[in-house]
Amino acid sequence: MQNQGIIISSKHKNQLMKEFKTSKQSVLMSLRYVFNSEQAKAIRNRAKELLLQEVEKIENQNQ
């Protein structure tokens, strides 16, 4: 199975576009590990943070 990169919702992709003041294409290419610039690494790290926040929300709802 081929690695598809980091998969996030369109809501989070739009948030990353605004936070990093970049295009949707740049966000997508960064999440797919096509781009490996410092900004791309920062986008991936922020995407991971957003995913962890979603996990926390789900865990809190299940308690």
PDB file of N, CA and C in Angstrom:
ATOM      1  N   MET A   1       0.839  -1.188   0.000  1.00  0.00           N
ATOM      2  CA  MET A   1       0.000   0.000   0.000  1.00  0.00           C
ATOM      3  C   MET A   1       0.882   1.249   0.000  1.00  0.00           C
ATOM      4  N   GLN A   2       0.581   2.165  -0.869  1.00  0.00           N
ATOM      5  CA  GLN A   2       1.373   3.376  -1.004  1.00  0.00           C
ATOM      6  C   GLN A   2       0.959   4.405   0.043  1.00  0.00           C
ATOM      7  N   ASN A   3       1.950   5.092   0.607  1.00  0.00           N
ATOM      8  CA  ASN A   3       1.680   6.128   1.592  1.00  0.00           C
ATOM      9  C   ASN A   3       1.016   7.323   0.910  1.00  0.00           C
ATOM     10  N   GLN A   4      -0.151   7.706   1.403  1.00  0.00           N
ATOM     11  CA  GLN A   4      -0.875   8.838   0.833  1.00  0.00           C
ATOM     12  C   GLN A   4      -0.567  10.132   1.569  1.00  0.00           C
ATOM     13  N   GLY A   5       0.291  10.066   2.549  1.00  0.00           N
ATOM     14  CA  GLY A   5       0.608  11.254   3.311  1.00  0.00           C
ATOM     15  C   GLY A   5      -0.363  11.426   4.458  1.00  0.00           C
ATOM     16  N   ILE A   6      -0.505  12.651   4.898  1.00  0.00           N
ATOM     17  CA  ILE A   6      -1.386  12.970   6.020  1.00  0.00           C
ATOM     18  C   ILE A   6      -2.757  13.329   5.463  1.00  0.00           C
ATOM     19  N   ILE A   7      -3.774  12.629   5.916  1.00  0.00           N
ATOM     20  CA  ILE A   7      -5.133  12.854   5.421  1.00  0.00           C
ATOM     21  C   ILE A   7      -5.912  13.627   6.476  1.00  0.00           C
ATOM     22  N   ILE A   8      -6.379  14.813   6.098  1.00  0.00           N
ATOM     23  CA  ILE A   8      -7.157  15.652   7.011  1.00  0.00           C
ATOM     24  C   ILE A   8      -8.390  16.176   6.284  1.00  0.00           C
ATOM     25  N   SER A   9      -9.318  16.718   7.046  1.00  0.00           N
ATOM     26  CA  SER A   9     -10.559  17.237   6.468  1.00  0.00           C
ATOM     27  C   SER A   9     -10.297  18.530   5.693  1.00  0.00           C
ATOM     28  N   SER A  10     -11.230  18.882   4.834  1.00  0.00           N
ATOM     29  CA  SER A  10     -11.106  20.128   4.066  1.00  0.00           C
ATOM     30  C   SER A  10     -11.143  21.337   4.992  1.00  0.00           C
ATOM     31  N   LYS A  11     -11.857  21.216   6.109  1.00  0.00           N
ATOM     32  CA  LYS A  11     -11.889  22.300   7.103  1.00  0.00           C
ATOM     33  C   LYS A  11     -10.470  22.590   7.597  1.00  0.00           C
ATOM     34  N   HIS A  12      -9.728  21.547   7.884  1.00  0.00           N
ATOM     35  CA  HIS A  12      -8.360  21.726   8.370  1.00  0.00           C
ATOM     36  C   HIS A  12      -7.419  22.184   7.252  1.00  0.00           C
ATOM     37  N   LYS A  13      -7.648  21.724   6.042  1.00  0.00           N
ATOM     38  CA  LYS A  13      -6.826  22.193   4.920  1.00  0.00           C
ATOM     39  C   LYS A  13      -7.009  23.694   4.728  1.00  0.00           C
ATOM     40  N   ASN A  14      -8.256  24.150   4.812  1.00  0.00           N
ATOM     41  CA  ASN A  14      -8.516  25.582   4.682  1.00  0.00           C
ATOM     42  C   ASN A  14      -7.871  26.361   5.816  1.00  0.00           C
ATOM     43  N   GLN A  15      -7.905  25.796   7.014  1.00  0.00           N
ATOM     44  CA  GLN A  15      -7.270  26.445   8.158  1.00  0.00           C
ATOM     45  C   GLN A  15      -5.759  26.566   7.934  1.00  0.00           C
ATOM     46  N   LEU A  16      -5.143  25.512   7.417  1.00  0.00           N
ATOM     47  CA  LEU A  16      -3.706  25.549   7.132  1.00  0.00           C
ATOM     48  C   LEU A  16      -3.381  26.588   6.061  1.00  0.00           C
ATOM     49  N   MET A  17      -4.237  26.688   5.044  1.00  0.00           N
ATOM     50  CA  MET A  17      -4.034  27.696   3.996  1.00  0.00           C
ATOM     51  C   MET A  17      -3.989  29.087   4.605  1.00  0.00           C
ATOM     52  N   LYS A  18      -4.928  29.369   5.503  1.00  0.00           N
ATOM     53  CA  LYS A  18      -4.994  30.689   6.129  1.00  0.00           C
ATOM     54  C   LYS A  18      -3.816  30.919   7.069  1.00  0.00           C
ATOM     55  N   GLU A  19      -3.501  29.927   7.890  1.00  0.00           N
ATOM     56  CA  GLU A  19      -2.415  30.072   8.862  1.00  0.00           C
ATOM     57  C   GLU A  19      -1.066  30.294   8.185  1.00  0.00           C
ATOM     58  N   PHE A  20      -0.826  29.592   7.087  1.00  0.00           N
ATOM     59  CA  PHE A  20       0.470  29.673   6.417  1.00  0.00           C
ATOM     60  C   PHE A  20       0.454  30.611   5.209  1.00  0.00           C
ATOM     61  N   LYS A  21      -0.700  31.229   4.962  1.00  0.00           N
ATOM     62  CA  LYS A  21      -0.842  32.172   3.840  1.00  0.00           C
ATOM     63  C   LYS A  21      -0.292  31.565   2.545  1.00  0.00           C
ATOM     64  N   THR A  22      -0.834  30.396   2.219  1.00  0.00           N
ATOM     65  CA  THR A  22      -0.380  29.685   1.028  1.00  0.00           C
ATOM     66  C   THR A  22      -1.577  29.086   0.298  1.00  0.00           C
ATOM     67  N   SER A  23      -1.330  28.518  -0.859  1.00  0.00           N
ATOM     68  CA  SER A  23      -2.406  27.962  -1.682  1.00  0.00           C
ATOM     69  C   SER A  23      -2.797  26.564  -1.214  1.00  0.00           C
ATOM     70  N   LYS A  24      -3.968  26.141  -1.654  1.00  0.00           N
ATOM     71  CA  LYS A  24      -4.432  24.791  -1.334  1.00  0.00           C
ATOM     72  C   LYS A  24      -3.487  23.757  -1.945  1.00  0.00           C
ATOM     73  N   GLN A  25      -2.991  24.040  -3.130  1.00  0.00           N
ATOM     74  CA  GLN A  25      -2.046  23.137  -3.801  1.00  0.00           C
ATOM     75  C   GLN A  25      -0.798  22.932  -2.947  1.00  0.00           C
ATOM     76  N   SER A  26      -0.272  24.006  -2.381  1.00  0.00           N
ATOM     77  CA  SER A  26       0.915  23.891  -1.529  1.00  0.00           C
ATOM     78  C   SER A  26       0.636  23.049  -0.296  1.00  0.00           C
ATOM     79  N   VAL A  27      -0.539  23.242   0.288  1.00  0.00           N
ATOM     80  CA  VAL A  27      -0.922  22.446   1.455  1.00  0.00           C
ATOM     81  C   VAL A  27      -1.016  20.971   1.068  1.00  0.00           C
ATOM     82  N   LEU A  28      -1.698  20.685  -0.033  1.00  0.00           N
ATOM     83  CA  LEU A  28      -1.859  19.294  -0.473  1.00  0.00           C
ATOM     84  C   LEU A  28      -0.518  18.631  -0.771  1.00  0.00           C
ATOM     85  N   MET A  29       0.348  19.335  -1.475  1.00  0.00           N
ATOM     86  CA  MET A  29       1.655  18.772  -1.827  1.00  0.00           C
ATOM     87  C   MET A  29       2.519  18.573  -0.587  1.00  0.00           C
ATOM     88  N   SER A  30       2.367  19.447   0.381  1.00  0.00           N
ATOM     89  CA  SER A  30       3.106  19.299   1.640  1.00  0.00           C
ATOM     90  C   SER A  30       2.614  18.085   2.408  1.00  0.00           C
ATOM     91  N   LEU A  31       1.291  17.917   2.467  1.00  0.00           N
ATOM     92  CA  LEU A  31       0.717  16.786   3.193  1.00  0.00           C
ATOM     93  C   LEU A  31       1.040  15.455   2.525  1.00  0.00           C
ATOM     94  N   ARG A  32       1.269  15.475   1.231  1.00  0.00           N
ATOM     95  CA  ARG A  32       1.614  14.253   0.486  1.00  0.00           C
ATOM     96  C   ARG A  32       3.124  14.012   0.437  1.00  0.00           C
ATOM     97  N   TYR A  33       3.887  14.849   1.118  1.00  0.00           N
ATOM     98  CA  TYR A  33       5.346  14.744   1.178  1.00  0.00           C
ATOM     99  C   TYR A  33       6.010  14.958  -0.178  1.00  0.00           C
ATOM    100  N   VAL A  34       5.347  15.670  -1.085  1.00  0.00           N
ATOM    101  CA  VAL A  34       5.966  16.032  -2.361  1.00  0.00           C
ATOM    102  C   VAL A  34       6.909  17.204  -2.124  1.00  0.00           C
ATOM    103  N   PHE A  35       6.453  18.174  -1.333  1.00  0.00           N
ATOM    104  CA  PHE A  35       7.289  19.311  -0.946  1.00  0.00           C
ATOM    105  C   PHE A  35       7.951  18.974   0.381  1.00  0.00           C
ATOM    106  N   ASN A  36       9.211  19.397   0.531  1.00  0.00           N
ATOM    107  CA  ASN A  36       9.919  19.117   1.779  1.00  0.00           C
ATOM    108  C   ASN A  36      10.647  20.355   2.298  1.00  0.00           C
ATOM    109  N   SER A  37      10.122  21.531   1.980  1.00  0.00           N
ATOM    110  CA  SER A  37      10.708  22.779   2.467  1.00  0.00           C
ATOM    111  C   SER A  37      10.417  22.933   3.958  1.00  0.00           C
ATOM    112  N   GLU A  38      10.984  23.956   4.557  1.00  0.00           N
ATOM    113  CA  GLU A  38      10.714  24.227   5.975  1.00  0.00           C
ATOM    114  C   GLU A  38       9.226  24.507   6.184  1.00  0.00           C
ATOM    115  N   GLN A  39       8.620  25.233   5.240  1.00  0.00           N
ATOM    116  CA  GLN A  39       7.184  25.504   5.357  1.00  0.00           C
ATOM    117  C   GLN A  39       6.377  24.211   5.250  1.00  0.00           C
ATOM    118  N   ALA A  40       6.769  23.333   4.347  1.00  0.00           N
ATOM    119  CA  ALA A  40       6.060  22.056   4.190  1.00  0.00           C
ATOM    120  C   ALA A  40       6.142  21.236   5.474  1.00  0.00           C
ATOM    121  N   LYS A  41       7.308  21.226   6.094  1.00  0.00           N
ATOM    122  CA  LYS A  41       7.472  20.510   7.363  1.00  0.00           C
ATOM    123  C   LYS A  41       6.591  21.127   8.442  1.00  0.00           C
ATOM    124  N   ALA A  42       6.519  22.459   8.462  1.00  0.00           N
ATOM    125  CA  ALA A  42       5.682  23.151   9.445  1.00  0.00           C
ATOM    126  C   ALA A  42       4.202  22.849   9.209  1.00  0.00           C
ATOM    127  N   ILE A  43       3.802  22.785   7.945  1.00  0.00           N
ATOM    128  CA  ILE A  43       2.412  22.451   7.609  1.00  0.00           C
ATOM    129  C   ILE A  43       2.086  21.047   8.099  1.00  0.00           C
ATOM    130  N   ARG A  44       2.978  20.093   7.869  1.00  0.00           N
ATOM    131  CA  ARG A  44       2.745  18.723   8.334  1.00  0.00           C
ATOM    132  C   ARG A  44       2.667  18.649   9.856  1.00  0.00           C
ATOM    133  N   ASN A  45       3.549  19.368  10.529  1.00  0.00           N
ATOM    134  CA  ASN A  45       3.510  19.372  11.998  1.00  0.00           C
ATOM    135  C   ASN A  45       2.212  19.966  12.515  1.00  0.00           C
ATOM    136  N   ARG A  46       1.774  21.043  11.899  1.00  0.00           N
ATOM    137  CA  ARG A  46       0.516  21.678  12.324  1.00  0.00           C
ATOM    138  C   ARG A  46      -0.666  20.757  12.031  1.00  0.00           C
ATOM    139  N   ALA A  47      -0.635  20.059  10.903  1.00  0.00           N
ATOM    140  CA  ALA A  47      -1.707  19.110  10.572  1.00  0.00           C
ATOM    141  C   ALA A  47      -1.782  18.017  11.633  1.00  0.00           C
ATOM    142  N   LYS A  48      -0.640  17.540  12.076  1.00  0.00           N
ATOM    143  CA  LYS A  48      -0.614  16.521  13.127  1.00  0.00           C
ATOM    144  C   LYS A  48      -1.209  17.066  14.417  1.00  0.00           C
ATOM    145  N   GLU A  49      -0.885  18.324  14.746  1.00  0.00           N
ATOM    146  CA  GLU A  49      -1.459  18.949  15.940  1.00  0.00           C
ATOM    147  C   GLU A  49      -2.979  19.018  15.840  1.00  0.00           C
ATOM    148  N   LEU A  50      -3.473  19.396  14.669  1.00  0.00           N
ATOM    149  CA  LEU A  50      -4.924  19.486  14.471  1.00  0.00           C
ATOM    150  C   LEU A  50      -5.581  18.116  14.618  1.00  0.00           C
ATOM    151  N   LEU A  51      -4.933  17.086  14.109  1.00  0.00           N
ATOM    152  CA  LEU A  51      -5.474  15.729  14.247  1.00  0.00           C
ATOM    153  C   LEU A  51      -5.490  15.290  15.711  1.00  0.00           C
ATOM    154  N   LEU A  52      -4.450  15.624  16.444  1.00  0.00           N
ATOM    155  CA  LEU A  52      -4.412  15.276  17.868  1.00  0.00           C
ATOM    156  C   LEU A  52      -5.512  15.997  18.643  1.00  0.00           C
ATOM    157  N   GLN A  53      -5.803  17.241  18.256  1.00  0.00           N
ATOM    158  CA  GLN A  53      -6.903  17.979  18.890  1.00  0.00           C
ATOM    159  C   GLN A  53      -8.229  17.275  18.633  1.00  0.00           C
ATOM    160  N   GLU A  54      -8.409  16.758  17.418  1.00  0.00           N
ATOM    161  CA  GLU A  54      -9.637  16.028  17.094  1.00  0.00           C
ATOM    162  C   GLU A  54      -9.750  14.755  17.935  1.00  0.00           C
ATOM    163  N   VAL A  55      -8.636  14.073  18.118  1.00  0.00           N
ATOM    164  CA  VAL A  55      -8.630  12.857  18.935  1.00  0.00           C
ATOM    165  C   VAL A  55      -9.034  13.193  20.369  1.00  0.00           C
ATOM    166  N   GLU A  56      -8.488  14.276  20.902  1.00  0.00           N
ATOM    167  CA  GLU A  56      -8.828  14.687  22.270  1.00  0.00           C
ATOM    168  C   GLU A  56     -10.317  14.986  22.401  1.00  0.00           C
ATOM    169  N   LYS A  57     -10.885  15.649  21.394  1.00  0.00           N
ATOM    170  CA  LYS A  57     -12.324  15.945  21.420  1.00  0.00           C
ATOM    171  C   LYS A  57     -13.135  14.654  21.484  1.00  0.00           C
ATOM    172  N   ILE A  58     -12.744  13.694  20.665  1.00  0.00           N
ATOM    173  CA  ILE A  58     -13.464  12.415  20.624  1.00  0.00           C
ATOM    174  C   ILE A  58     -13.331  11.688  21.959  1.00  0.00           C
ATOM    175  N   GLU A  59     -12.126  11.665  22.506  1.00  0.00           N
ATOM    176  CA  GLU A  59     -11.910  10.992  23.788  1.00  0.00           C
ATOM    177  C   GLU A  59     -12.726  11.649  24.894  1.00  0.00           C
ATOM    178  N   ASN A  60     -12.798  12.977  24.886  1.00  0.00           N
ATOM    179  CA  ASN A  60     -13.571  13.694  25.901  1.00  0.00           C
ATOM    180  C   ASN A  60     -15.063  13.414  25.769  1.00  0.00           C
ATOM    181  N   GLN A  61     -15.541  13.239  24.550  1.00  0.00           N
ATOM    182  CA  GLN A  61     -16.955  12.944  24.331  1.00  0.00           C
ATOM    183  C   GLN A  61     -17.306  11.538  24.803  1.00  0.00           C
ATOM    184  N   ASN A  62     -16.337  10.639  24.750  1.00  0.00           N
ATOM    185  CA  ASN A  62     -16.584   9.245  25.120  1.00  0.00           C
ATOM    186  C   ASN A  62     -16.448   8.985  26.616  1.00  0.00           C
ATOM    187  N   GLN A  63     -16.099   9.992  27.372  1.00  0.00           N
ATOM    188  CA  GLN A  63     -15.942   9.795  28.819  1.00  0.00           C
ATOM    189  C   GLN A  63     -17.216  10.061  29.558  1.00  0.00           C
TER     190      GLN A  63
END
